[in-house]
Amino acid sequence: MKTLQEDIDDLDRMVDRGAAKDAIRSQIRLISREVAALQAEKETLFAAHAKLRESHAKLKDSQAERGDAAWDAFQKEAKEKQRIIQSHMLKH
């Protein structure tokens, strides 16, 4: 399969060689279809990228929330242990 640049180079050669208008127009239509397909693919990729970024942001938020909850639980447990230690120290 040819690249877009190769198709454009073919068009350039056709013009240099004095190809018929119909042949040149046919090559231009071919290039136009390829450009349209690339634009559609670009839009699809942009949409997929935006969706991926959104998912990533949600994942980071979720991880942060879980991390905060774990930290809060750790702090609560540490305070409880400290309270128990102080309670035992006061009894002795």
PDB file of N, CA and C in Angstrom:
ATOM      1  N   MET A   1       0.839  -1.178   0.000  1.00  0.00           N
ATOM      2  CA  MET A   1       0.000   0.000   0.000  1.00  0.00           C
ATOM      3  C   MET A   1       0.889   1.248   0.000  1.00  0.00           C
ATOM      4  N   LYS A   2       0.535   2.183  -0.826  1.00  0.00           N
ATOM      5  CA  LYS A   2       1.316   3.409  -0.943  1.00  0.00           C
ATOM      6  C   LYS A   2       1.038   4.350   0.217  1.00  0.00           C
ATOM      7  N   THR A   3       2.029   5.169   0.505  1.00  0.00           N
ATOM      8  CA  THR A   3       1.837   6.206   1.515  1.00  0.00           C
ATOM      9  C   THR A   3       1.208   7.431   0.858  1.00  0.00           C
ATOM     10  N   LEU A   4       0.691   8.299   1.677  1.00  0.00           N
ATOM     11  CA  LEU A   4       0.105   9.541   1.170  1.00  0.00           C
ATOM     12  C   LEU A   4       1.147  10.337   0.398  1.00  0.00           C
ATOM     13  N   GLN A   5       2.360  10.380   0.915  1.00  0.00           N
ATOM     14  CA  GLN A   5       3.417  11.133   0.238  1.00  0.00           C
ATOM     15  C   GLN A   5       3.706  10.545  -1.143  1.00  0.00           C
ATOM     16  N   GLU A   6       3.673   9.224  -1.259  1.00  0.00           N
ATOM     17  CA  GLU A   6       3.900   8.592  -2.565  1.00  0.00           C
ATOM     18  C   GLU A   6       2.785   8.952  -3.545  1.00  0.00           C
ATOM     19  N   ASP A   7       1.547   8.998  -3.044  1.00  0.00           N
ATOM     20  CA  ASP A   7       0.434   9.399  -3.909  1.00  0.00           C
ATOM     21  C   ASP A   7       0.578  10.849  -4.354  1.00  0.00           C
ATOM     22  N   ILE A   8       1.029  11.701  -3.479  1.00  0.00           N
ATOM     23  CA  ILE A   8       1.249  13.109  -3.844  1.00  0.00           C
ATOM     24  C   ILE A   8       2.391  13.219  -4.853  1.00  0.00           C
ATOM     25  N   ASP A   9       3.442  12.444  -4.649  1.00  0.00           N
ATOM     26  CA  ASP A   9       4.546  12.432  -5.617  1.00  0.00           C
ATOM     27  C   ASP A   9       4.065  11.950  -6.985  1.00  0.00           C
ATOM     28  N   ASP A  10       3.195  10.931  -7.006  1.00  0.00           N
ATOM     29  CA  ASP A  10       2.622  10.454  -8.266  1.00  0.00           C
ATOM     30  C   ASP A  10       1.844  11.570  -8.962  1.00  0.00           C
ATOM     31  N   LEU A  11       1.056  12.292  -8.181  1.00  0.00           N
ATOM     32  CA  LEU A  11       0.298  13.410  -8.733  1.00  0.00           C
ATOM     33  C   LEU A  11       1.231  14.453  -9.330  1.00  0.00           C
ATOM     34  N   ASP A  12       2.280  14.766  -8.619  1.00  0.00           N
ATOM     35  CA  ASP A  12       3.253  15.751  -9.107  1.00  0.00           C
ATOM     36  C   ASP A  12       3.853  15.295 -10.439  1.00  0.00           C
ATOM     37  N   ARG A  13       4.220  14.024 -10.533  1.00  0.00           N
ATOM     38  CA  ARG A  13       4.775  13.493 -11.784  1.00  0.00           C
ATOM     39  C   ARG A  13       3.740  13.549 -12.903  1.00  0.00           C
ATOM     40  N   MET A  14       2.487  13.249 -12.560  1.00  0.00           N
ATOM     41  CA  MET A  14       1.427  13.301 -13.569  1.00  0.00           C
ATOM     42  C   MET A  14       1.305  14.709 -14.146  1.00  0.00           C
ATOM     43  N   VAL A  15       1.355  15.705 -13.279  1.00  0.00           N
ATOM     44  CA  VAL A  15       1.256  17.098 -13.730  1.00  0.00           C
ATOM     45  C   VAL A  15       2.458  17.439 -14.598  1.00  0.00           C
ATOM     46  N   ASP A  16       3.671  17.042 -14.152  1.00  0.00           N
ATOM     47  CA  ASP A  16       4.888  17.324 -14.926  1.00  0.00           C
ATOM     48  C   ASP A  16       4.844  16.688 -16.312  1.00  0.00           C
ATOM     49  N   ARG A  17       4.243  15.524 -16.412  1.00  0.00           N
ATOM     50  CA  ARG A  17       4.213  14.798 -17.682  1.00  0.00           C
ATOM     51  C   ARG A  17       3.013  15.180 -18.546  1.00  0.00           C
ATOM     52  N   GLY A  18       2.195  16.080 -18.031  1.00  0.00           N
ATOM     53  CA  GLY A  18       1.049  16.543 -18.822  1.00  0.00           C
ATOM     54  C   GLY A  18      -0.061  15.509 -18.928  1.00  0.00           C
ATOM     55  N   ALA A  19      -0.308  14.791 -17.837  1.00  0.00           N
ATOM     56  CA  ALA A  19      -1.363  13.775 -17.840  1.00  0.00           C
ATOM     57  C   ALA A  19      -2.714  14.422 -18.102  1.00  0.00           C
ATOM     58  N   ALA A  20      -3.647  13.615 -18.529  1.00  0.00           N
ATOM     59  CA  ALA A  20      -5.002  14.108 -18.805  1.00  0.00           C
ATOM     60  C   ALA A  20      -5.650  14.598 -17.510  1.00  0.00           C
ATOM     61  N   LYS A  21      -6.541  15.586 -17.685  1.00  0.00           N
ATOM     62  CA  LYS A  21      -7.226  16.155 -16.515  1.00  0.00           C
ATOM     63  C   LYS A  21      -7.962  15.090 -15.717  1.00  0.00           C
ATOM     64  N   ASP A  22      -8.594  14.156 -16.416  1.00  0.00           N
ATOM     65  CA  ASP A  22      -9.340  13.107 -15.709  1.00  0.00           C
ATOM     66  C   ASP A  22      -8.423  12.261 -14.827  1.00  0.00           C
ATOM     67  N   ALA A  23      -7.235  11.947 -15.311  1.00  0.00           N
ATOM     68  CA  ALA A  23      -6.282  11.147 -14.529  1.00  0.00           C
ATOM     69  C   ALA A  23      -5.817  11.938 -13.306  1.00  0.00           C
ATOM     70  N   ILE A  24      -5.561  13.225 -13.513  1.00  0.00           N
ATOM     71  CA  ILE A  24      -5.133  14.081 -12.393  1.00  0.00           C
ATOM     72  C   ILE A  24      -6.255  14.197 -11.366  1.00  0.00           C
ATOM     73  N   ARG A  25      -7.470  14.416 -11.850  1.00  0.00           N
ATOM     74  CA  ARG A  25      -8.610  14.525 -10.927  1.00  0.00           C
ATOM     75  C   ARG A  25      -8.825  13.211 -10.165  1.00  0.00           C
ATOM     76  N   SER A  26      -8.626  12.104 -10.831  1.00  0.00           N
ATOM     77  CA  SER A  26      -8.753  10.803 -10.177  1.00  0.00           C
ATOM     78  C   SER A  26      -7.728  10.663  -9.053  1.00  0.00           C
ATOM     79  N   GLN A  27      -6.512  11.103  -9.314  1.00  0.00           N
ATOM     80  CA  GLN A  27      -5.454  11.039  -8.290  1.00  0.00           C
ATOM     81  C   GLN A  27      -5.792  11.977  -7.120  1.00  0.00           C
ATOM     82  N   ILE A  28      -6.328  13.136  -7.454  1.00  0.00           N
ATOM     83  CA  ILE A  28      -6.730  14.081  -6.394  1.00  0.00           C
ATOM     84  C   ILE A  28      -7.839  13.475  -5.544  1.00  0.00           C
ATOM     85  N   ARG A  29      -8.805  12.788  -6.165  1.00  0.00           N
ATOM     86  CA  ARG A  29      -9.884  12.134  -5.393  1.00  0.00           C
ATOM     87  C   ARG A  29      -9.310  11.045  -4.486  1.00  0.00           C
ATOM     88  N   LEU A  30      -8.355  10.289  -5.006  1.00  0.00           N
ATOM     89  CA  LEU A  30      -7.707   9.254  -4.200  1.00  0.00           C
ATOM     90  C   LEU A  30      -7.041   9.878  -2.972  1.00  0.00           C
ATOM     91  N   ILE A  31      -6.301  10.934  -3.189  1.00  0.00           N
ATOM     92  CA  ILE A  31      -5.615  11.614  -2.080  1.00  0.00           C
ATOM     93  C   ILE A  31      -6.636  12.181  -1.102  1.00  0.00           C
ATOM     94  N   SER A  32      -7.708  12.740  -1.627  1.00  0.00           N
ATOM     95  CA  SER A  32      -8.757  13.301  -0.759  1.00  0.00           C
ATOM     96  C   SER A  32      -9.379  12.235   0.131  1.00  0.00           C
ATOM     97  N   ARG A  33      -9.620  11.050  -0.436  1.00  0.00           N
ATOM     98  CA  ARG A  33     -10.179   9.955   0.379  1.00  0.00           C
ATOM     99  C   ARG A  33      -9.206   9.536   1.471  1.00  0.00           C
ATOM    100  N   GLU A  34      -7.939   9.480   1.118  1.00  0.00           N
ATOM    101  CA  GLU A  34      -6.939   9.099   2.121  1.00  0.00           C
ATOM    102  C   GLU A  34      -6.854  10.139   3.236  1.00  0.00           C
ATOM    103  N   VAL A  35      -6.901  11.404   2.860  1.00  0.00           N
ATOM    104  CA  VAL A  35      -6.862  12.468   3.871  1.00  0.00           C
ATOM    105  C   VAL A  35      -8.099  12.401   4.758  1.00  0.00           C
ATOM    106  N   ALA A  36      -9.261  12.167   4.161  1.00  0.00           N
ATOM    107  CA  ALA A  36     -10.495  12.048   4.948  1.00  0.00           C
ATOM    108  C   ALA A  36     -10.409  10.878   5.923  1.00  0.00           C
ATOM    109  N   ALA A  37      -9.864   9.763   5.462  1.00  0.00           N
ATOM    110  CA  ALA A  37      -9.711   8.599   6.344  1.00  0.00           C
ATOM    111  C   ALA A  37      -8.755   8.915   7.493  1.00  0.00           C
ATOM    112  N   LEU A  38      -7.675   9.619   7.187  1.00  0.00           N
ATOM    113  CA  LEU A  38      -6.720  10.001   8.240  1.00  0.00           C
ATOM    114  C   LEU A  38      -7.354  10.956   9.241  1.00  0.00           C
ATOM    115  N   GLN A  39      -8.161  11.887   8.753  1.00  0.00           N
ATOM    116  CA  GLN A  39      -8.840  12.815   9.664  1.00  0.00           C
ATOM    117  C   GLN A  39      -9.811  12.075  10.571  1.00  0.00           C
ATOM    118  N   ALA A  40     -10.538  11.120  10.009  1.00  0.00           N
ATOM    119  CA  ALA A  40     -11.473  10.327  10.827  1.00  0.00           C
ATOM    120  C   ALA A  40     -10.711   9.516  11.868  1.00  0.00           C
ATOM    121  N   GLU A  41      -9.600   8.943  11.461  1.00  0.00           N
ATOM    122  CA  GLU A  41      -8.775   8.173  12.399  1.00  0.00           C
ATOM    123  C   GLU A  41      -8.225   9.075  13.496  1.00  0.00           C
ATOM    124  N   LYS A  42      -7.833  10.277  13.125  1.00  0.00           N
ATOM    125  CA  LYS A  42      -7.317  11.240  14.108  1.00  0.00           C
ATOM    126  C   LYS A  42      -8.391  11.562  15.143  1.00  0.00           C
ATOM    127  N   GLU A  43      -9.621  11.803  14.686  1.00  0.00           N
ATOM    128  CA  GLU A  43     -10.714  12.102  15.613  1.00  0.00           C
ATOM    129  C   GLU A  43     -10.988  10.927  16.548  1.00  0.00           C
ATOM    130  N   THR A  44     -10.940   9.723  15.997  1.00  0.00           N
ATOM    131  CA  THR A  44     -11.148   8.522  16.810  1.00  0.00           C
ATOM    132  C   THR A  44     -10.054   8.397  17.868  1.00  0.00           C
ATOM    133  N   LEU A  45      -8.819   8.658  17.452  1.00  0.00           N
ATOM    134  CA  LEU A  45      -7.702   8.581  18.400  1.00  0.00           C
ATOM    135  C   LEU A  45      -7.804   9.658  19.468  1.00  0.00           C
ATOM    136  N   PHE A  46      -8.208  10.868  19.080  1.00  0.00           N
ATOM    137  CA  PHE A  46      -8.373  11.934  20.074  1.00  0.00           C
ATOM    138  C   PHE A  46      -9.448  11.566  21.082  1.00  0.00           C
ATOM    139  N   ALA A  47     -10.564  11.000  20.595  1.00  0.00           N
ATOM    140  CA  ALA A  47     -11.649  10.602  21.501  1.00  0.00           C
ATOM    141  C   ALA A  47     -11.182   9.490  22.442  1.00  0.00           C
ATOM    142  N   ALA A  48     -10.458   8.525  21.899  1.00  0.00           N
ATOM    143  CA  ALA A  48      -9.948   7.431  22.734  1.00  0.00           C
ATOM    144  C   ALA A  48      -8.952   7.953  23.759  1.00  0.00           C
ATOM    145  N   HIS A  49      -8.128   8.892  23.347  1.00  0.00           N
ATOM    146  CA  HIS A  49      -7.147   9.471  24.265  1.00  0.00           C
ATOM    147  C   HIS A  49      -7.839  10.244  25.381  1.00  0.00           C
ATOM    148  N   ALA A  50      -8.858  11.010  25.032  1.00  0.00           N
ATOM    149  CA  ALA A  50      -9.602  11.758  26.049  1.00  0.00           C
ATOM    150  C   ALA A  50     -10.260  10.802  27.045  1.00  0.00           C
ATOM    151  N   LYS A  51     -10.811   9.703  26.528  1.00  0.00           N
ATOM    152  CA  LYS A  51     -11.444   8.713  27.401  1.00  0.00           C
ATOM    153  C   LYS A  51     -10.407   8.067  28.322  1.00  0.00           C
ATOM    154  N   LEU A  52      -9.251   7.779  27.772  1.00  0.00           N
ATOM    155  CA  LEU A  52      -8.181   7.190  28.571  1.00  0.00           C
ATOM    156  C   LEU A  52      -7.712   8.148  29.660  1.00  0.00           C
ATOM    157  N   ARG A  53      -7.555   9.417  29.315  1.00  0.00           N
ATOM    158  CA  ARG A  53      -7.155  10.413  30.319  1.00  0.00           C
ATOM    159  C   ARG A  53      -8.194  10.520  31.429  1.00  0.00           C
ATOM    160  N   GLU A  54      -9.478  10.478  31.058  1.00  0.00           N
ATOM    161  CA  GLU A  54     -10.549  10.548  32.054  1.00  0.00           C
ATOM    162  C   GLU A  54     -10.492   9.337  32.982  1.00  0.00           C
ATOM    163  N   SER A  55     -10.302   8.157  32.399  1.00  0.00           N
ATOM    164  CA  SER A  55     -10.199   6.937  33.203  1.00  0.00           C
ATOM    165  C   SER A  55      -8.998   6.997  34.132  1.00  0.00           C
ATOM    166  N   HIS A  56      -7.906   7.507  33.630  1.00  0.00           N
ATOM    167  CA  HIS A  56      -6.688   7.631  34.439  1.00  0.00           C
ATOM    168  C   HIS A  56      -6.914   8.585  35.605  1.00  0.00           C
ATOM    169  N   ALA A  57      -7.576   9.702  35.344  1.00  0.00           N
ATOM    170  CA  ALA A  57      -7.858  10.662  36.408  1.00  0.00           C
ATOM    171  C   ALA A  57      -8.758  10.041  37.474  1.00  0.00           C
ATOM    172  N   LYS A  58      -9.774   9.288  37.032  1.00  0.00           N
ATOM    173  CA  LYS A  58     -10.660   8.625  37.997  1.00  0.00           C
ATOM    174  C   LYS A  58      -9.891   7.600  38.822  1.00  0.00           C
ATOM    175  N   LEU A  59      -9.003   6.870  38.182  1.00  0.00           N
ATOM    176  CA  LEU A  59      -8.197   5.878  38.889  1.00  0.00           C
ATOM    177  C   LEU A  59      -7.301   6.552  39.927  1.00  0.00           C
ATOM    178  N   LYS A  60      -6.666   7.664  39.542  1.00  0.00           N
ATOM    179  CA  LYS A  60      -5.815   8.380  40.493  1.00  0.00           C
ATOM    180  C   LYS A  60      -6.632   8.884  41.674  1.00  0.00           C
ATOM    181  N   ASP A  61      -7.826   9.423  41.394  1.00  0.00           N
ATOM    182  CA  ASP A  61      -8.689   9.895  42.481  1.00  0.00           C
ATOM    183  C   ASP A  61      -9.076   8.746  43.405  1.00  0.00           C
ATOM    184  N   SER A  62      -9.416   7.616  42.815  1.00  0.00           N
ATOM    185  CA  SER A  62      -9.797   6.442  43.594  1.00  0.00           C
ATOM    186  C   SER A  62      -8.638   5.963  44.470  1.00  0.00           C
ATOM    187  N   GLN A  63      -7.451   5.930  43.887  1.00  0.00           N
ATOM    188  CA  GLN A  63      -6.272   5.513  44.648  1.00  0.00           C
ATOM    189  C   GLN A  63      -5.986   6.497  45.777  1.00  0.00           C
ATOM    190  N   ALA A  64      -6.161   7.782  45.510  1.00  0.00           N
ATOM    191  CA  ALA A  64      -5.923   8.791  46.548  1.00  0.00           C
ATOM    192  C   ALA A  64      -6.924   8.618  47.689  1.00  0.00           C
ATOM    193  N   GLU A  65      -8.192   8.371  47.328  1.00  0.00           N
ATOM    194  CA  GLU A  65      -9.216   8.177  48.357  1.00  0.00           C
ATOM    195  C   GLU A  65      -8.900   6.950  49.213  1.00  0.00           C
ATOM    196  N   ARG A  66      -8.501   5.847  48.557  1.00  0.00           N
ATOM    197  CA  ARG A  66      -8.159   4.649  49.310  1.00  0.00           C
ATOM    198  C   ARG A  66      -6.938   4.891  50.175  1.00  0.00           C
ATOM    199  N   GLY A  67      -5.980   5.637  49.644  1.00  0.00           N
ATOM    200  CA  GLY A  67      -4.784   5.955  50.413  1.00  0.00           C
ATOM    201  C   GLY A  67      -5.131   6.797  51.624  1.00  0.00           C
ATOM    202  N   ASP A  68      -6.026   7.780  51.444  1.00  0.00           N
ATOM    203  CA  ASP A  68      -6.461   8.621  52.558  1.00  0.00           C
ATOM    204  C   ASP A  68      -7.204   7.793  53.600  1.00  0.00           C
ATOM    205  N   ALA A  69      -8.034   6.878  53.141  1.00  0.00           N
ATOM    206  CA  ALA A  69      -8.784   6.029  54.077  1.00  0.00           C
ATOM    207  C   ALA A  69      -7.834   5.132  54.861  1.00  0.00           C
ATOM    208  N   ALA A  70      -6.825   4.593  54.178  1.00  0.00           N
ATOM    209  CA  ALA A  70      -5.847   3.742  54.864  1.00  0.00           C
ATOM    210  C   ALA A  70      -5.062   4.560  55.878  1.00  0.00           C
ATOM    211  N   TRP A  71      -4.686   5.771  55.509  1.00  0.00           N
ATOM    212  CA  TRP A  71      -3.945   6.636  56.426  1.00  0.00           C
ATOM    213  C   TRP A  71      -4.805   6.977  57.647  1.00  0.00           C
ATOM    214  N   ASP A  72      -6.057   7.288  57.400  1.00  0.00           N
ATOM    215  CA  ASP A  72      -6.969   7.602  58.508  1.00  0.00           C
ATOM    216  C   ASP A  72      -7.112   6.402  59.449  1.00  0.00           C
ATOM    217  N   ALA A  73      -7.235   5.218  58.877  1.00  0.00           N
ATOM    218  CA  ALA A  73      -7.351   4.008  59.703  1.00  0.00           C
ATOM    219  C   ALA A  73      -6.071   3.785  60.504  1.00  0.00           C
ATOM    220  N   PHE A  74      -4.930   4.005  59.886  1.00  0.00           N
ATOM    221  CA  PHE A  74      -3.650   3.868  60.577  1.00  0.00           C
ATOM    222  C   PHE A  74      -3.552   4.866  61.728  1.00  0.00           C
ATOM    223  N   GLN A  75      -3.928   6.099  61.470  1.00  0.00           N
ATOM    224  CA  GLN A  75      -3.890   7.130  62.511  1.00  0.00           C
ATOM    225  C   GLN A  75      -4.829   6.777  63.664  1.00  0.00           C
ATOM    226  N   LYS A  76      -6.008   6.291  63.336  1.00  0.00           N
ATOM    227  CA  LYS A  76      -6.970   5.914  64.365  1.00  0.00           C
ATOM    228  C   LYS A  76      -6.408   4.786  65.225  1.00  0.00           C
ATOM    229  N   GLU A  77      -5.814   3.783  64.568  1.00  0.00           N
ATOM    230  CA  GLU A  77      -5.227   2.664  65.298  1.00  0.00           C
ATOM    231  C   GLU A  77      -4.055   3.134  66.162  1.00  0.00           C
ATOM    232  N   ALA A  78      -3.230   4.025  65.647  1.00  0.00           N
ATOM    233  CA  ALA A  78      -2.085   4.534  66.409  1.00  0.00           C
ATOM    234  C   ALA A  78      -2.561   5.301  67.646  1.00  0.00           C
ATOM    235  N   LYS A  79      -3.612   6.092  67.491  1.00  0.00           N
ATOM    236  CA  LYS A  79      -4.149   6.845  68.629  1.00  0.00           C
ATOM    237  C   LYS A  79      -4.716   5.899  69.687  1.00  0.00           C
ATOM    238  N   GLU A  80      -5.388   4.861  69.222  1.00  0.00           N
ATOM    239  CA  GLU A  80      -5.952   3.890  70.152  1.00  0.00           C
ATOM    240  C   GLU A  80      -4.844   3.174  70.929  1.00  0.00           C
ATOM    241  N   LYS A  81      -3.780   2.779  70.235  1.00  0.00           N
ATOM    242  CA  LYS A  81      -2.651   2.125  70.916  1.00  0.00           C
ATOM    243  C   LYS A  81      -1.994   3.083  71.897  1.00  0.00           C
ATOM    244  N   GLN A  82      -1.877   4.337  71.487  1.00  0.00           N
ATOM    245  CA  GLN A  82      -1.279   5.329  72.388  1.00  0.00           C
ATOM    246  C   GLN A  82      -2.163   5.514  73.625  1.00  0.00           C
ATOM    247  N   ARG A  83      -3.462   5.518  73.448  1.00  0.00           N
ATOM    248  CA  ARG A  83      -4.384   5.656  74.580  1.00  0.00           C
ATOM    249  C   ARG A  83      -4.251   4.456  75.522  1.00  0.00           C
ATOM    250  N   ILE A  84      -4.129   3.246  74.952  1.00  0.00           N
ATOM    251  CA  ILE A  84      -3.983   2.037  75.770  1.00  0.00           C
ATOM    252  C   ILE A  84      -2.670   2.075  76.544  1.00  0.00           C
ATOM    253  N   ILE A  85      -1.598   2.482  75.882  1.00  0.00           N
ATOM    254  CA  ILE A  85      -0.283   2.572  76.548  1.00  0.00           C
ATOM    255  C   ILE A  85      -0.352   3.580  77.696  1.00  0.00           C
ATOM    256  N   GLN A  86      -0.926   4.729  77.445  1.00  0.00           N
ATOM    257  CA  GLN A  86      -1.032   5.744  78.512  1.00  0.00           C
ATOM    258  C   GLN A  86      -1.900   5.239  79.645  1.00  0.00           C
ATOM    259  N   SER A  87      -2.963   4.518  79.325  1.00  0.00           N
ATOM    260  CA  SER A  87      -3.846   3.969  80.345  1.00  0.00           C
ATOM    261  C   SER A  87      -3.090   2.977  81.227  1.00  0.00           C
ATOM    262  N   HIS A  88      -2.259   2.123  80.618  1.00  0.00           N
ATOM    263  CA  HIS A  88      -1.474   1.166  81.388  1.00  0.00           C
ATOM    264  C   HIS A  88      -0.423   1.862  82.223  1.00  0.00           C
ATOM    265  N   MET A  89       0.148   2.920  81.678  1.00  0.00           N
ATOM    266  CA  MET A  89       1.206   3.651  82.425  1.00  0.00           C
ATOM    267  C   MET A  89       0.599   4.327  83.659  1.00  0.00           C
ATOM    268  N   LEU A  90      -0.600   4.818  83.537  1.00  0.00           N
ATOM    269  CA  LEU A  90      -1.249   5.487  84.672  1.00  0.00           C
ATOM    270  C   LEU A  90      -1.625   4.489  85.765  1.00  0.00           C
ATOM    271  N   LYS A  91      -1.916   3.235  85.381  1.00  0.00           N
ATOM    272  CA  LYS A  91      -2.308   2.226  86.347  1.00  0.00           C
ATOM    273  C   LYS A  91      -1.094   1.747  87.136  1.00  0.00           C
ATOM    274  N   HIS A  92       0.117   1.864  86.606  1.00  0.00           N
ATOM    275  CA  HIS A  92       1.290   1.325  87.284  1.00  0.00           C
ATOM    276  C   HIS A  92       2.035   2.407  87.958  1.00  0.00           C
TER     277      HIS A  92
END
